[in-house]
């Protein structure tokens, strides 16, 4: 996610801002179908 230059962190929409909402929607759509799509760690 790259924040648009005109997207203020103090804007009234907060996390309802279109930019971050669109990125989150894309993440849900692209949720990994297999385990090996993610670099995991375990401690």
ModelCIF file with pLDDT and N, C-alpha, C, O atoms, coordinates in Angstrom:
data_MODEL
#
_entry.id   MODEL 
#
_entity.id                         1 
_entity.type                       polymer 
_entity.pdbx_number_of_molecules   1 
#
_entity_poly.entity_id                      1 
_entity_poly.type                           'polypeptide(L)' 
_entity_poly.nstd_linkage                   no 
_entity_poly.nstd_monomer                   no 
_entity_poly.pdbx_seq_one_letter_code       
;(UNK)(UNK)(UNK)(UNK)(UNK)(UNK)(UNK)(UNK)(UNK)(UNK)(UNK)(UNK)(UNK)(UNK)(UNK)(UNK)
(UNK)(UNK)(UNK)(UNK)(UNK)(UNK)(UNK)(UNK)(UNK)(UNK)(UNK)(UNK)(UNK)(UNK)(UNK)(UNK)
(UNK)(UNK)(UNK)(UNK)(UNK)(UNK)(UNK)(UNK)(UNK)(UNK)(UNK)
;
_entity_poly.pdbx_seq_one_letter_code_can   XXXXXXXXXXXXXXXXXXXXXXXXXXXXXXXXXXXXXXXXXXX 
_entity_poly.pdbx_strand_id                 A 
#
loop_
_entity_poly_seq.entity_id 
_entity_poly_seq.num 
_entity_poly_seq.mon_id 
_entity_poly_seq.hetero 
1 1  UNK n 
1 2  UNK n 
1 3  UNK n 
1 4  UNK n 
1 5  UNK n 
1 6  UNK n 
1 7  UNK n 
1 8  UNK n 
1 9  UNK n 
1 10 UNK n 
1 11 UNK n 
1 12 UNK n 
1 13 UNK n 
1 14 UNK n 
1 15 UNK n 
1 16 UNK n 
1 17 UNK n 
1 18 UNK n 
1 19 UNK n 
1 20 UNK n 
1 21 UNK n 
1 22 UNK n 
1 23 UNK n 
1 24 UNK n 
1 25 UNK n 
1 26 UNK n 
1 27 UNK n 
1 28 UNK n 
1 29 UNK n 
1 30 UNK n 
1 31 UNK n 
1 32 UNK n 
1 33 UNK n 
1 34 UNK n 
1 35 UNK n 
1 36 UNK n 
1 37 UNK n 
1 38 UNK n 
1 39 UNK n 
1 40 UNK n 
1 41 UNK n 
1 42 UNK n 
1 43 UNK n 
#
_struct_asym.id          A 
_struct_asym.entity_id   1 
#
loop_
_ma_qa_metric.id 
_ma_qa_metric.mode 
_ma_qa_metric.name 
_ma_qa_metric.software_group_id 
_ma_qa_metric.type 
1 global pLDDT . pLDDT 
2 local  pLDDT . pLDDT 
#
_ma_qa_metric_global.metric_id      1 
_ma_qa_metric_global.metric_value   92.70 
_ma_qa_metric_global.model_id       1 
_ma_qa_metric_global.ordinal_id     1 
#
loop_
_ma_qa_metric_local.label_asym_id 
_ma_qa_metric_local.label_comp_id 
_ma_qa_metric_local.label_seq_id 
_ma_qa_metric_local.metric_id 
_ma_qa_metric_local.metric_value 
_ma_qa_metric_local.model_id 
_ma_qa_metric_local.ordinal_id 
A UNK 1  2 97.00 1 1  
A UNK 2  2 97.00 1 2  
A UNK 3  2 96.00 1 3  
A UNK 4  2 94.00 1 4  
A UNK 5  2 90.00 1 5  
A UNK 6  2 88.00 1 6  
A UNK 7  2 89.00 1 7  
A UNK 8  2 82.00 1 8  
A UNK 9  2 77.00 1 9  
A UNK 10 2 78.00 1 10 
A UNK 11 2 80.00 1 11 
A UNK 12 2 83.00 1 12 
A UNK 13 2 85.00 1 13 
A UNK 14 2 89.00 1 14 
A UNK 15 2 94.00 1 15 
A UNK 16 2 94.00 1 16 
A UNK 17 2 94.00 1 17 
A UNK 18 2 94.00 1 18 
A UNK 19 2 95.00 1 19 
A UNK 20 2 96.00 1 20 
A UNK 21 2 97.00 1 21 
A UNK 22 2 97.00 1 22 
A UNK 23 2 97.00 1 23 
A UNK 24 2 98.00 1 24 
A UNK 25 2 97.00 1 25 
A UNK 26 2 97.00 1 26 
A UNK 27 2 97.00 1 27 
A UNK 28 2 96.00 1 28 
A UNK 29 2 96.00 1 29 
A UNK 30 2 94.00 1 30 
A UNK 31 2 95.00 1 31 
A UNK 32 2 94.00 1 32 
A UNK 33 2 92.00 1 33 
A UNK 34 2 92.00 1 34 
A UNK 35 2 94.00 1 35 
A UNK 36 2 92.00 1 36 
A UNK 37 2 92.00 1 37 
A UNK 38 2 95.00 1 38 
A UNK 39 2 95.00 1 39 
A UNK 40 2 97.00 1 40 
A UNK 41 2 97.00 1 41 
A UNK 42 2 97.00 1 42 
A UNK 43 2 96.00 1 43 
#
loop_
_atom_site.group_PDB 
_atom_site.id 
_atom_site.type_symbol 
_atom_site.label_atom_id 
_atom_site.label_alt_id 
_atom_site.label_comp_id 
_atom_site.label_asym_id 
_atom_site.label_entity_id 
_atom_site.label_seq_id 
_atom_site.pdbx_PDB_ins_code 
_atom_site.Cartn_x 
_atom_site.Cartn_y 
_atom_site.Cartn_z 
_atom_site.occupancy 
_atom_site.B_iso_or_equiv 
_atom_site.pdbx_formal_charge 
_atom_site.auth_seq_id 
_atom_site.auth_comp_id 
_atom_site.auth_asym_id 
_atom_site.auth_atom_id 
_atom_site.pdbx_PDB_model_num 
ATOM 1   N N  . UNK A 1 1  ? 0.857   -1.183  0.000  1.00 97.00 ? 1  UNK A N  1 
ATOM 2   C CA . UNK A 1 1  ? 0.000   0.000   0.000  1.00 97.00 ? 1  UNK A CA 1 
ATOM 3   C C  . UNK A 1 1  ? 0.896   1.237   0.000  1.00 97.00 ? 1  UNK A C  1 
ATOM 4   O O  . UNK A 1 1  ? 1.788   1.369   0.838  1.00 97.00 ? 1  UNK A O  1 
ATOM 5   N N  . UNK A 1 2  ? 0.650   2.128   -0.937 1.00 97.00 ? 2  UNK A N  1 
ATOM 6   C CA . UNK A 1 2  ? 1.372   3.400   -1.000 1.00 97.00 ? 2  UNK A CA 1 
ATOM 7   C C  . UNK A 1 2  ? 0.350   4.519   -0.807 1.00 97.00 ? 2  UNK A C  1 
ATOM 8   O O  . UNK A 1 2  ? -0.568  4.672   -1.613 1.00 97.00 ? 2  UNK A O  1 
ATOM 9   N N  . UNK A 1 3  ? 0.504   5.271   0.222  1.00 96.00 ? 3  UNK A N  1 
ATOM 10  C CA . UNK A 1 3  ? -0.494  6.281   0.565  1.00 96.00 ? 3  UNK A CA 1 
ATOM 11  C C  . UNK A 1 3  ? -0.466  7.426   -0.456 1.00 96.00 ? 3  UNK A C  1 
ATOM 12  O O  . UNK A 1 3  ? 0.601   7.975   -0.730 1.00 96.00 ? 3  UNK A O  1 
ATOM 13  N N  . UNK A 1 4  ? -1.609  7.786   -1.014 1.00 94.00 ? 4  UNK A N  1 
ATOM 14  C CA . UNK A 1 4  ? -1.647  8.930   -1.929 1.00 94.00 ? 4  UNK A CA 1 
ATOM 15  C C  . UNK A 1 4  ? -1.204  10.214  -1.226 1.00 94.00 ? 4  UNK A C  1 
ATOM 16  O O  . UNK A 1 4  ? -1.416  10.381  -0.025 1.00 94.00 ? 4  UNK A O  1 
ATOM 17  N N  . UNK A 1 5  ? -0.598  11.100  -1.978 1.00 90.00 ? 5  UNK A N  1 
ATOM 18  C CA . UNK A 1 5  ? -0.061  12.334  -1.392 1.00 90.00 ? 5  UNK A CA 1 
ATOM 19  C C  . UNK A 1 5  ? -1.143  13.168  -0.726 1.00 90.00 ? 5  UNK A C  1 
ATOM 20  O O  . UNK A 1 5  ? -0.865  13.868  0.247  1.00 90.00 ? 5  UNK A O  1 
ATOM 21  N N  . UNK A 1 6  ? -2.372  13.109  -1.230 1.00 88.00 ? 6  UNK A N  1 
ATOM 22  C CA . UNK A 1 6  ? -3.450  13.942  -0.687 1.00 88.00 ? 6  UNK A CA 1 
ATOM 23  C C  . UNK A 1 6  ? -4.289  13.223  0.366  1.00 88.00 ? 6  UNK A C  1 
ATOM 24  O O  . UNK A 1 6  ? -5.342  13.717  0.770  1.00 88.00 ? 6  UNK A O  1 
ATOM 25  N N  . UNK A 1 7  ? -3.817  12.045  0.813  1.00 89.00 ? 7  UNK A N  1 
ATOM 26  C CA . UNK A 1 7  ? -4.568  11.240  1.781  1.00 89.00 ? 7  UNK A CA 1 
ATOM 27  C C  . UNK A 1 7  ? -4.016  11.509  3.177  1.00 89.00 ? 7  UNK A C  1 
ATOM 28  O O  . UNK A 1 7  ? -2.994  10.941  3.562  1.00 89.00 ? 7  UNK A O  1 
ATOM 29  N N  . UNK A 1 8  ? -4.683  12.368  3.930  1.00 82.00 ? 8  UNK A N  1 
ATOM 30  C CA . UNK A 1 8  ? -4.196  12.775  5.248  1.00 82.00 ? 8  UNK A CA 1 
ATOM 31  C C  . UNK A 1 8  ? -4.531  11.728  6.303  1.00 82.00 ? 8  UNK A C  1 
ATOM 32  O O  . UNK A 1 8  ? -5.639  11.191  6.314  1.00 82.00 ? 8  UNK A O  1 
ATOM 33  N N  . UNK A 1 9  ? -3.567  11.430  7.205  1.00 77.00 ? 9  UNK A N  1 
ATOM 34  C CA . UNK A 1 9  ? -3.872  10.493  8.295  1.00 77.00 ? 9  UNK A CA 1 
ATOM 35  C C  . UNK A 1 9  ? -4.899  11.042  9.274  1.00 77.00 ? 9  UNK A C  1 
ATOM 36  O O  . UNK A 1 9  ? -5.481  10.290  10.056 1.00 77.00 ? 9  UNK A O  1 
ATOM 37  N N  . UNK A 1 10 ? -5.121  12.339  9.231  1.00 78.00 ? 10 UNK A N  1 
ATOM 38  C CA . UNK A 1 10 ? -6.101  12.965  10.131 1.00 78.00 ? 10 UNK A CA 1 
ATOM 39  C C  . UNK A 1 10 ? -7.426  13.247  9.443  1.00 78.00 ? 10 UNK A C  1 
ATOM 40  O O  . UNK A 1 10 ? -8.255  13.985  9.974  1.00 78.00 ? 10 UNK A O  1 
ATOM 41  N N  . UNK A 1 11 ? -7.633  12.667  8.267  1.00 80.00 ? 11 UNK A N  1 
ATOM 42  C CA . UNK A 1 11 ? -8.882  12.885  7.555  1.00 80.00 ? 11 UNK A CA 1 
ATOM 43  C C  . UNK A 1 11 ? -10.072 12.319  8.313  1.00 80.00 ? 11 UNK A C  1 
ATOM 44  O O  . UNK A 1 11 ? -9.904  11.395  9.109  1.00 80.00 ? 11 UNK A O  1 
ATOM 45  N N  . UNK A 1 12 ? -11.250 12.840  8.091  1.00 83.00 ? 12 UNK A N  1 
ATOM 46  C CA . UNK A 1 12 ? -12.428 12.423  8.863  1.00 83.00 ? 12 UNK A CA 1 
ATOM 47  C C  . UNK A 1 12 ? -12.843 10.978  8.617  1.00 83.00 ? 12 UNK A C  1 
ATOM 48  O O  . UNK A 1 12 ? -13.497 10.376  9.469  1.00 83.00 ? 12 UNK A O  1 
ATOM 49  N N  . UNK A 1 13 ? -12.473 10.402  7.458  1.00 85.00 ? 13 UNK A N  1 
ATOM 50  C CA . UNK A 1 13 ? -12.896 9.033   7.152  1.00 85.00 ? 13 UNK A CA 1 
ATOM 51  C C  . UNK A 1 13 ? -12.088 7.979   7.899  1.00 85.00 ? 13 UNK A C  1 
ATOM 52  O O  . UNK A 1 13 ? -12.553 6.852   8.069  1.00 85.00 ? 13 UNK A O  1 
ATOM 53  N N  . UNK A 1 14 ? -10.883 8.330   8.348  1.00 89.00 ? 14 UNK A N  1 
ATOM 54  C CA . UNK A 1 14 ? -10.044 7.342   9.025  1.00 89.00 ? 14 UNK A CA 1 
ATOM 55  C C  . UNK A 1 14 ? -9.801  6.140   8.141  1.00 89.00 ? 14 UNK A C  1 
ATOM 56  O O  . UNK A 1 14 ? -9.441  6.297   6.974  1.00 89.00 ? 14 UNK A O  1 
ATOM 57  N N  . UNK A 1 15 ? -9.989  4.933   8.673  1.00 94.00 ? 15 UNK A N  1 
ATOM 58  C CA . UNK A 1 15 ? -9.728  3.718   7.894  1.00 94.00 ? 15 UNK A CA 1 
ATOM 59  C C  . UNK A 1 15 ? -10.836 3.436   6.884  1.00 94.00 ? 15 UNK A C  1 
ATOM 60  O O  . UNK A 1 15 ? -10.786 2.424   6.184  1.00 94.00 ? 15 UNK A O  1 
ATOM 61  N N  . UNK A 1 16 ? -11.825 4.307   6.800  1.00 94.00 ? 16 UNK A N  1 
ATOM 62  C CA . UNK A 1 16 ? -12.830 4.202   5.737  1.00 94.00 ? 16 UNK A CA 1 
ATOM 63  C C  . UNK A 1 16 ? -12.402 4.961   4.491  1.00 94.00 ? 16 UNK A C  1 
ATOM 64  O O  . UNK A 1 16 ? -13.158 5.044   3.523  1.00 94.00 ? 16 UNK A O  1 
ATOM 65  N N  . UNK A 1 17 ? -11.191 5.517   4.511  1.00 94.00 ? 17 UNK A N  1 
ATOM 66  C CA . UNK A 1 17 ? -10.663 6.224   3.350  1.00 94.00 ? 17 UNK A CA 1 
ATOM 67  C C  . UNK A 1 17 ? -10.658 5.303   2.132  1.00 94.00 ? 17 UNK A C  1 
ATOM 68  O O  . UNK A 1 17 ? -10.318 4.126   2.257  1.00 94.00 ? 17 UNK A O  1 
ATOM 69  N N  . UNK A 1 18 ? -11.026 5.810   0.964  1.00 94.00 ? 18 UNK A N  1 
ATOM 70  C CA . UNK A 1 18 ? -11.095 4.956   -0.233 1.00 94.00 ? 18 UNK A CA 1 
ATOM 71  C C  . UNK A 1 18 ? -9.789  4.247   -0.548 1.00 94.00 ? 18 UNK A C  1 
ATOM 72  O O  . UNK A 1 18 ? -9.805  3.110   -1.019 1.00 94.00 ? 18 UNK A O  1 
ATOM 73  N N  . UNK A 1 19 ? -8.648  4.902   -0.294 1.00 95.00 ? 19 UNK A N  1 
ATOM 74  C CA . UNK A 1 19 ? -7.366  4.305   -0.676 1.00 95.00 ? 19 UNK A CA 1 
ATOM 75  C C  . UNK A 1 19 ? -7.092  3.026   0.116  1.00 95.00 ? 19 UNK A C  1 
ATOM 76  O O  . UNK A 1 19 ? -6.804  1.984   -0.473 1.00 95.00 ? 19 UNK A O  1 
ATOM 77  N N  . UNK A 1 20 ? -7.179  3.098   1.434  1.00 96.00 ? 20 UNK A N  1 
ATOM 78  C CA . UNK A 1 20 ? -6.870  1.915   2.244  1.00 96.00 ? 20 UNK A CA 1 
ATOM 79  C C  . UNK A 1 20 ? -7.983  0.872   2.122  1.00 96.00 ? 20 UNK A C  1 
ATOM 80  O O  . UNK A 1 20 ? -7.715  -0.328  2.198  1.00 96.00 ? 20 UNK A O  1 
ATOM 81  N N  . UNK A 1 21 ? -9.226  1.318   1.933  1.00 97.00 ? 21 UNK A N  1 
ATOM 82  C CA . UNK A 1 21 ? -10.336 0.377   1.756  1.00 97.00 ? 21 UNK A CA 1 
ATOM 83  C C  . UNK A 1 21 ? -10.147 -0.460  0.496  1.00 97.00 ? 21 UNK A C  1 
ATOM 84  O O  . UNK A 1 21 ? -10.389 -1.667  0.493  1.00 97.00 ? 21 UNK A O  1 
ATOM 85  N N  . UNK A 1 22 ? -9.706  0.208   -0.583 1.00 97.00 ? 22 UNK A N  1 
ATOM 86  C CA . UNK A 1 22 ? -9.486  -0.517  -1.839 1.00 97.00 ? 22 UNK A CA 1 
ATOM 87  C C  . UNK A 1 22 ? -8.358  -1.530  -1.687 1.00 97.00 ? 22 UNK A C  1 
ATOM 88  O O  . UNK A 1 22 ? -8.445  -2.642  -2.208 1.00 97.00 ? 22 UNK A O  1 
ATOM 89  N N  . UNK A 1 23 ? -7.290  -1.148  -0.967 1.00 97.00 ? 23 UNK A N  1 
ATOM 90  C CA . UNK A 1 23 ? -6.164  -2.077  -0.770 1.00 97.00 ? 23 UNK A CA 1 
ATOM 91  C C  . UNK A 1 23 ? -6.603  -3.285  0.054  1.00 97.00 ? 23 UNK A C  1 
ATOM 92  O O  . UNK A 1 23 ? -6.219  -4.415  -0.246 1.00 97.00 ? 23 UNK A O  1 
ATOM 93  N N  . UNK A 1 24 ? -7.407  -3.049  1.091  1.00 98.00 ? 24 UNK A N  1 
ATOM 94  C CA . UNK A 1 24 ? -7.894  -4.148  1.930  1.00 98.00 ? 24 UNK A CA 1 
ATOM 95  C C  . UNK A 1 24 ? -8.808  -5.071  1.132  1.00 98.00 ? 24 UNK A C  1 
ATOM 96  O O  . UNK A 1 24 ? -8.735  -6.292  1.270  1.00 98.00 ? 24 UNK A O  1 
ATOM 97  N N  . UNK A 1 25 ? -9.662  -4.492  0.306  1.00 97.00 ? 25 UNK A N  1 
ATOM 98  C CA . UNK A 1 25 ? -10.532 -5.317  -0.542 1.00 97.00 ? 25 UNK A CA 1 
ATOM 99  C C  . UNK A 1 25 ? -9.703  -6.198  -1.477 1.00 97.00 ? 25 UNK A C  1 
ATOM 100 O O  . UNK A 1 25 ? -10.024 -7.365  -1.704 1.00 97.00 ? 25 UNK A O  1 
ATOM 101 N N  . UNK A 1 26 ? -8.622  -5.610  -2.015 1.00 97.00 ? 26 UNK A N  1 
ATOM 102 C CA . UNK A 1 26 ? -7.751  -6.384  -2.902 1.00 97.00 ? 26 UNK A CA 1 
ATOM 103 C C  . UNK A 1 26 ? -7.068  -7.519  -2.137 1.00 97.00 ? 26 UNK A C  1 
ATOM 104 O O  . UNK A 1 26 ? -6.923  -8.623  -2.663 1.00 97.00 ? 26 UNK A O  1 
ATOM 105 N N  . UNK A 1 27 ? -6.649  -7.252  -0.897 1.00 97.00 ? 27 UNK A N  1 
ATOM 106 C CA . UNK A 1 27 ? -6.019  -8.287  -0.082 1.00 97.00 ? 27 UNK A CA 1 
ATOM 107 C C  . UNK A 1 27 ? -6.997  -9.431  0.177  1.00 97.00 ? 27 UNK A C  1 
ATOM 108 O O  . UNK A 1 27 ? -6.611  -10.598 0.117  1.00 97.00 ? 27 UNK A O  1 
ATOM 109 N N  . UNK A 1 28 ? -8.242  -9.111  0.459  1.00 96.00 ? 28 UNK A N  1 
ATOM 110 C CA . UNK A 1 28 ? -9.232  -10.178 0.672  1.00 96.00 ? 28 UNK A CA 1 
ATOM 111 C C  . UNK A 1 28 ? -9.431  -10.994 -0.606 1.00 96.00 ? 28 UNK A C  1 
ATOM 112 O O  . UNK A 1 28 ? -9.532  -12.219 -0.555 1.00 96.00 ? 28 UNK A O  1 
ATOM 113 N N  . UNK A 1 29 ? -9.486  -10.311 -1.751 1.00 96.00 ? 29 UNK A N  1 
ATOM 114 C CA . UNK A 1 29 ? -9.685  -11.028 -3.019 1.00 96.00 ? 29 UNK A CA 1 
ATOM 115 C C  . UNK A 1 29 ? -8.486  -11.919 -3.343 1.00 96.00 ? 29 UNK A C  1 
ATOM 116 O O  . UNK A 1 29 ? -8.639  -13.017 -3.878 1.00 96.00 ? 29 UNK A O  1 
ATOM 117 N N  . UNK A 1 30 ? -7.296  -11.430 -3.011 1.00 94.00 ? 30 UNK A N  1 
ATOM 118 C CA . UNK A 1 30 ? -6.075  -12.146 -3.357 1.00 94.00 ? 30 UNK A CA 1 
ATOM 119 C C  . UNK A 1 30 ? -5.589  -13.076 -2.247 1.00 94.00 ? 30 UNK A C  1 
ATOM 120 O O  . UNK A 1 30 ? -4.459  -13.563 -2.297 1.00 94.00 ? 30 UNK A O  1 
ATOM 121 N N  . UNK A 1 31 ? -6.417  -13.319 -1.268 1.00 95.00 ? 31 UNK A N  1 
ATOM 122 C CA . UNK A 1 31 ? -5.992  -14.179 -0.162 1.00 95.00 ? 31 UNK A CA 1 
ATOM 123 C C  . UNK A 1 31 ? -5.330  -15.439 -0.717 1.00 95.00 ? 31 UNK A C  1 
ATOM 124 O O  . UNK A 1 31 ? -5.868  -16.062 -1.632 1.00 95.00 ? 31 UNK A O  1 
ATOM 125 N N  . UNK A 1 32 ? -4.171  -15.822 -0.178 1.00 94.00 ? 32 UNK A N  1 
ATOM 126 C CA . UNK A 1 32 ? -3.398  -16.924 -0.778 1.00 94.00 ? 32 UNK A CA 1 
ATOM 127 C C  . UNK A 1 32 ? -4.160  -18.233 -0.816 1.00 94.00 ? 32 UNK A C  1 
ATOM 128 O O  . UNK A 1 32 ? -4.745  -18.663 0.178  1.00 94.00 ? 32 UNK A O  1 
ATOM 129 N N  . UNK A 1 33 ? -4.142  -18.855 -1.978 1.00 92.00 ? 33 UNK A N  1 
ATOM 130 C CA . UNK A 1 33 ? -4.840  -20.127 -2.167 1.00 92.00 ? 33 UNK A CA 1 
ATOM 131 C C  . UNK A 1 33 ? -4.006  -21.317 -1.695 1.00 92.00 ? 33 UNK A C  1 
ATOM 132 O O  . UNK A 1 33 ? -4.533  -22.409 -1.485 1.00 92.00 ? 33 UNK A O  1 
ATOM 133 N N  . UNK A 1 34 ? -2.703  -21.097 -1.532 1.00 92.00 ? 34 UNK A N  1 
ATOM 134 C CA . UNK A 1 34 ? -1.821  -22.142 -1.021 1.00 92.00 ? 34 UNK A CA 1 
ATOM 135 C C  . UNK A 1 34 ? -0.883  -21.535 0.017  1.00 92.00 ? 34 UNK A C  1 
ATOM 136 O O  . UNK A 1 34 ? -0.641  -20.328 0.032  1.00 92.00 ? 34 UNK A O  1 
ATOM 137 N N  . UNK A 1 35 ? -0.366  -22.396 0.876  1.00 94.00 ? 35 UNK A N  1 
ATOM 138 C CA . UNK A 1 35 ? 0.504   -21.940 1.958  1.00 94.00 ? 35 UNK A CA 1 
ATOM 139 C C  . UNK A 1 35 ? 1.800   -21.339 1.436  1.00 94.00 ? 35 UNK A C  1 
ATOM 140 O O  . UNK A 1 35 ? 2.341   -20.418 2.048  1.00 94.00 ? 35 UNK A O  1 
ATOM 141 N N  . UNK A 1 36 ? 2.311   -21.850 0.303  1.00 92.00 ? 36 UNK A N  1 
ATOM 142 C CA . UNK A 1 36 ? 3.638   -21.431 -0.135 1.00 92.00 ? 36 UNK A CA 1 
ATOM 143 C C  . UNK A 1 36 ? 3.655   -20.074 -0.830 1.00 92.00 ? 36 UNK A C  1 
ATOM 144 O O  . UNK A 1 36 ? 4.691   -19.670 -1.356 1.00 92.00 ? 36 UNK A O  1 
ATOM 145 N N  . UNK A 1 37 ? 2.537   -19.369 -0.841 1.00 92.00 ? 37 UNK A N  1 
ATOM 146 C CA . UNK A 1 37 ? 2.500   -18.016 -1.387 1.00 92.00 ? 37 UNK A CA 1 
ATOM 147 C C  . UNK A 1 37 ? 2.977   -16.970 -0.380 1.00 92.00 ? 37 UNK A C  1 
ATOM 148 O O  . UNK A 1 37 ? 3.200   -15.814 -0.740 1.00 92.00 ? 37 UNK A O  1 
ATOM 149 N N  . UNK A 1 38 ? 3.133   -17.378 0.879  1.00 95.00 ? 38 UNK A N  1 
ATOM 150 C CA . UNK A 1 38 ? 3.495   -16.444 1.945  1.00 95.00 ? 38 UNK A CA 1 
ATOM 151 C C  . UNK A 1 38 ? 4.849   -16.852 2.507  1.00 95.00 ? 38 UNK A C  1 
ATOM 152 O O  . UNK A 1 38 ? 5.143   -18.043 2.618  1.00 95.00 ? 38 UNK A O  1 
ATOM 153 N N  . UNK A 1 39 ? 5.679   -15.867 2.864  1.00 95.00 ? 39 UNK A N  1 
ATOM 154 C CA . UNK A 1 39 ? 6.905   -16.178 3.606  1.00 95.00 ? 39 UNK A CA 1 
ATOM 155 C C  . UNK A 1 39 ? 6.557   -16.151 5.080  1.00 95.00 ? 39 UNK A C  1 
ATOM 156 O O  . UNK A 1 39 ? 6.377   -15.084 5.666  1.00 95.00 ? 39 UNK A O  1 
ATOM 157 N N  . UNK A 1 40 ? 6.461   -17.340 5.680  1.00 97.00 ? 40 UNK A N  1 
ATOM 158 C CA . UNK A 1 40 ? 6.076   -17.478 7.069  1.00 97.00 ? 40 UNK A CA 1 
ATOM 159 C C  . UNK A 1 40 ? 7.304   -17.575 7.965  1.00 97.00 ? 40 UNK A C  1 
ATOM 160 O O  . UNK A 1 40 ? 8.419   -17.816 7.501  1.00 97.00 ? 40 UNK A O  1 
ATOM 161 N N  . UNK A 1 41 ? 7.075   -17.384 9.237  1.00 97.00 ? 41 UNK A N  1 
ATOM 162 C CA . UNK A 1 41 ? 8.104   -17.633 10.243 1.00 97.00 ? 41 UNK A CA 1 
ATOM 163 C C  . UNK A 1 41 ? 7.450   -18.309 11.437 1.00 97.00 ? 41 UNK A C  1 
ATOM 164 O O  . UNK A 1 41 ? 6.253   -18.155 11.682 1.00 97.00 ? 41 UNK A O  1 
ATOM 165 N N  . UNK A 1 42 ? 8.261   -19.063 12.174 1.00 97.00 ? 42 UNK A N  1 
ATOM 166 C CA . UNK A 1 42 ? 7.795   -19.681 13.416 1.00 97.00 ? 42 UNK A CA 1 
ATOM 167 C C  . UNK A 1 42 ? 8.905   -19.629 14.441 1.00 97.00 ? 42 UNK A C  1 
ATOM 168 O O  . UNK A 1 42 ? 10.036  -20.031 14.166 1.00 97.00 ? 42 UNK A O  1 
ATOM 169 N N  . UNK A 1 43 ? 8.579   -19.130 15.634 1.00 96.00 ? 43 UNK A N  1 
ATOM 170 C CA . UNK A 1 43 ? 9.515   -19.175 16.766 1.00 96.00 ? 43 UNK A CA 1 
ATOM 171 C C  . UNK A 1 43 ? 8.933   -19.982 17.915 1.00 96.00 ? 43 UNK A C  1 
ATOM 172 O O  . UNK A 1 43 ? 9.577   -20.130 18.954 1.00 96.00 ? 43 UNK A O  1 
#
